[in-house]
N, C-alpha and C. Protein backbone atom coordinates (compact mmCIF):
# COMPACT_ATOMS: atom_id res chain seq x y z
N MET A 1 0.85 -1.17 0.00
CA MET A 1 0.00 0.00 0.00
C MET A 1 0.90 1.24 0.00
N ASN A 2 0.63 2.17 -0.88
CA ASN A 2 1.49 3.34 -0.95
C ASN A 2 0.96 4.47 -0.07
N ALA A 3 1.74 5.52 0.06
CA ALA A 3 1.44 6.60 0.99
C ALA A 3 0.16 7.35 0.60
N SER A 4 -0.10 7.51 -0.68
CA SER A 4 -1.30 8.25 -1.08
C SER A 4 -2.57 7.48 -0.69
N GLU A 5 -2.53 6.16 -0.77
CA GLU A 5 -3.67 5.35 -0.33
C GLU A 5 -3.86 5.46 1.17
N LEU A 6 -2.76 5.51 1.90
CA LEU A 6 -2.84 5.62 3.36
C LEU A 6 -3.37 6.99 3.78
N ARG A 7 -3.02 8.02 3.06
CA ARG A 7 -3.48 9.37 3.43
C ARG A 7 -4.99 9.52 3.27
N ASP A 8 -5.60 8.68 2.45
CA ASP A 8 -7.04 8.74 2.26
C ASP A 8 -7.80 8.09 3.40
N LYS A 9 -7.12 7.34 4.26
CA LYS A 9 -7.77 6.63 5.35
C LYS A 9 -7.89 7.52 6.58
N THR A 10 -8.83 7.16 7.45
CA THR A 10 -9.02 7.88 8.70
C THR A 10 -7.98 7.40 9.71
N PRO A 11 -7.75 8.17 10.76
CA PRO A 11 -6.79 7.73 11.79
C PRO A 11 -7.16 6.38 12.41
N ASP A 12 -8.44 6.12 12.59
CA ASP A 12 -8.84 4.82 13.15
C ASP A 12 -8.49 3.68 12.21
N GLN A 13 -8.72 3.88 10.93
CA GLN A 13 -8.36 2.85 9.95
C GLN A 13 -6.85 2.64 9.93
N LEU A 14 -6.10 3.72 10.07
CA LEU A 14 -4.64 3.61 10.09
C LEU A 14 -4.16 2.84 11.31
N ARG A 15 -4.80 3.08 12.46
CA ARG A 15 -4.42 2.34 13.66
C ARG A 15 -4.70 0.85 13.51
N GLU A 16 -5.83 0.53 12.88
CA GLU A 16 -6.16 -0.88 12.63
C GLU A 16 -5.12 -1.50 11.70
N GLU A 17 -4.72 -0.76 10.69
CA GLU A 17 -3.71 -1.25 9.75
C GLU A 17 -2.38 -1.46 10.47
N LEU A 18 -2.05 -0.56 11.38
CA LEU A 18 -0.80 -0.70 12.14
C LEU A 18 -0.83 -1.95 13.02
N VAL A 19 -1.96 -2.21 13.64
CA VAL A 19 -2.09 -3.42 14.46
C VAL A 19 -1.93 -4.66 13.59
N ARG A 20 -2.52 -4.65 12.42
CA ARG A 20 -2.41 -5.78 11.50
C ARG A 20 -0.96 -6.00 11.09
N LEU A 21 -0.25 -4.92 10.80
CA LEU A 21 1.15 -5.02 10.39
C LEU A 21 2.03 -5.50 11.53
N LYS A 22 1.76 -5.07 12.74
CA LYS A 22 2.53 -5.51 13.89
C LYS A 22 2.34 -7.01 14.12
N LYS A 23 1.11 -7.50 13.94
CA LYS A 23 0.86 -8.93 14.07
C LYS A 23 1.60 -9.70 12.98
N GLU A 24 1.59 -9.14 11.78
CA GLU A 24 2.30 -9.77 10.67
C GLU A 24 3.80 -9.84 10.96
N GLN A 25 4.35 -8.75 11.50
CA GLN A 25 5.78 -8.73 11.86
C GLN A 25 6.09 -9.81 12.89
N PHE A 26 5.22 -9.95 13.89
CA PHE A 26 5.43 -10.97 14.91
C PHE A 26 5.44 -12.36 14.29
N ASN A 27 4.46 -12.63 13.44
CA ASN A 27 4.38 -13.94 12.81
C ASN A 27 5.60 -14.21 11.94
N LEU A 28 6.07 -13.19 11.23
CA LEU A 28 7.25 -13.37 10.39
C LEU A 28 8.50 -13.62 11.22
N ARG A 29 8.63 -12.90 12.34
CA ARG A 29 9.77 -13.14 13.23
C ARG A 29 9.73 -14.55 13.80
N PHE A 30 8.53 -15.00 14.14
CA PHE A 30 8.37 -16.35 14.67
C PHE A 30 8.76 -17.38 13.61
N GLN A 31 8.33 -17.17 12.38
CA GLN A 31 8.69 -18.08 11.29
C GLN A 31 10.20 -18.08 11.06
N ALA A 32 10.81 -16.91 11.15
CA ALA A 32 12.25 -16.83 10.94
C ALA A 32 13.00 -17.58 12.04
N ALA A 33 12.51 -17.46 13.27
CA ALA A 33 13.17 -18.12 14.39
C ALA A 33 13.05 -19.64 14.30
N THR A 34 11.96 -20.12 13.73
CA THR A 34 11.76 -21.57 13.63
C THR A 34 12.25 -22.13 12.30
N GLY A 35 12.78 -21.26 11.45
CA GLY A 35 13.33 -21.71 10.18
C GLY A 35 12.29 -21.97 9.11
N GLN A 36 11.09 -21.44 9.27
CA GLN A 36 10.02 -21.68 8.32
C GLN A 36 9.81 -20.52 7.35
N LEU A 37 10.53 -19.44 7.52
CA LEU A 37 10.34 -18.27 6.67
C LEU A 37 10.94 -18.52 5.29
N GLU A 38 10.10 -18.43 4.26
CA GLU A 38 10.57 -18.70 2.91
C GLU A 38 11.12 -17.46 2.22
N ASN A 39 10.54 -16.31 2.52
CA ASN A 39 10.96 -15.09 1.85
C ASN A 39 11.32 -14.03 2.90
N PRO A 40 12.60 -13.85 3.22
CA PRO A 40 13.00 -12.88 4.24
C PRO A 40 12.66 -11.43 3.89
N ALA A 41 12.43 -11.15 2.62
CA ALA A 41 12.09 -9.79 2.21
C ALA A 41 10.74 -9.36 2.77
N GLN A 42 9.90 -10.32 3.14
CA GLN A 42 8.61 -9.98 3.73
C GLN A 42 8.78 -9.22 5.04
N MET A 43 9.80 -9.56 5.80
CA MET A 43 10.05 -8.87 7.07
C MET A 43 10.35 -7.40 6.83
N ARG A 44 11.17 -7.14 5.85
CA ARG A 44 11.54 -5.76 5.52
C ARG A 44 10.32 -4.98 5.04
N ARG A 45 9.50 -5.62 4.19
CA ARG A 45 8.31 -4.97 3.66
C ARG A 45 7.33 -4.61 4.79
N ALA A 46 7.09 -5.55 5.69
CA ALA A 46 6.16 -5.31 6.79
C ALA A 46 6.67 -4.20 7.70
N ARG A 47 7.98 -4.20 7.97
CA ARG A 47 8.55 -3.17 8.83
C ARG A 47 8.43 -1.79 8.19
N ARG A 48 8.68 -1.71 6.90
CA ARG A 48 8.59 -0.42 6.21
C ARG A 48 7.15 0.07 6.09
N GLU A 49 6.22 -0.85 5.86
CA GLU A 49 4.81 -0.45 5.80
C GLU A 49 4.34 0.08 7.15
N ALA A 50 4.77 -0.56 8.23
CA ALA A 50 4.40 -0.09 9.57
C ALA A 50 4.97 1.31 9.81
N ALA A 51 6.19 1.54 9.39
CA ALA A 51 6.80 2.87 9.54
C ALA A 51 6.05 3.90 8.71
N ARG A 52 5.62 3.50 7.53
CA ARG A 52 4.86 4.40 6.65
C ARG A 52 3.53 4.79 7.31
N VAL A 53 2.86 3.82 7.92
CA VAL A 53 1.59 4.10 8.59
C VAL A 53 1.81 5.02 9.77
N LYS A 54 2.87 4.79 10.56
CA LYS A 54 3.17 5.65 11.69
C LYS A 54 3.46 7.08 11.25
N THR A 55 4.17 7.22 10.14
CA THR A 55 4.49 8.55 9.62
C THR A 55 3.22 9.30 9.25
N ILE A 56 2.30 8.63 8.56
CA ILE A 56 1.05 9.28 8.14
C ILE A 56 0.21 9.63 9.36
N LEU A 57 0.18 8.74 10.37
CA LEU A 57 -0.56 9.05 11.59
C LEU A 57 0.00 10.30 12.26
N ASN A 58 1.32 10.40 12.32
CA ASN A 58 1.94 11.59 12.92
C ASN A 58 1.65 12.84 12.12
N GLU A 59 1.64 12.74 10.80
CA GLU A 59 1.31 13.89 9.96
C GLU A 59 -0.11 14.36 10.23
N LYS A 60 -1.05 13.40 10.31
CA LYS A 60 -2.44 13.76 10.56
C LYS A 60 -2.60 14.39 11.94
N ALA A 61 -1.90 13.87 12.94
CA ALA A 61 -1.97 14.43 14.28
C ALA A 61 -1.39 15.85 14.31
N ARG A 62 -0.30 16.05 13.58
CA ARG A 62 0.33 17.36 13.54
C ARG A 62 -0.59 18.39 12.88
N THR A 63 -1.23 18.02 11.78
CA THR A 63 -2.13 18.96 11.10
C THR A 63 -3.36 19.25 11.94
N ALA A 64 -3.88 18.24 12.66
CA ALA A 64 -5.03 18.45 13.53
C ALA A 64 -4.67 19.40 14.67
N ALA A 65 -3.49 19.25 15.22
CA ALA A 65 -3.05 20.12 16.31
C ALA A 65 -2.84 21.55 15.80
N ALA A 66 -2.32 21.68 14.58
CA ALA A 66 -2.10 23.02 14.02
C ALA A 66 -3.43 23.70 13.72
N GLU A 67 -4.41 22.94 13.29
CA GLU A 67 -5.73 23.53 13.00
C GLU A 67 -6.42 23.98 14.28
N GLN A 68 -6.25 23.25 15.37
CA GLN A 68 -6.85 23.64 16.63
C GLN A 68 -6.17 24.85 17.23
N GLY A 69 -4.85 24.95 17.01
CA GLY A 69 -4.11 26.08 17.57
C GLY A 69 -4.30 27.36 16.79
N ALA A 70 -4.69 27.27 15.54
CA ALA A 70 -4.81 28.46 14.69
C ALA A 70 -6.11 29.17 14.89
């Protein structure tokens, strides 16, 4: 999912997506530890997507705070 698609979502939807990605990261780490992970690039993708969601959440929070302060 790219950043423009994420920006169209509400903060609640973004938080749900972040929870989903964190669960995915956990499962991938577990697979890696047990030697069942077939594609290690999935770990990198999940980590970057989670960071992308966090960035968009922070941007939305910052703009909401600026609108309230103005």
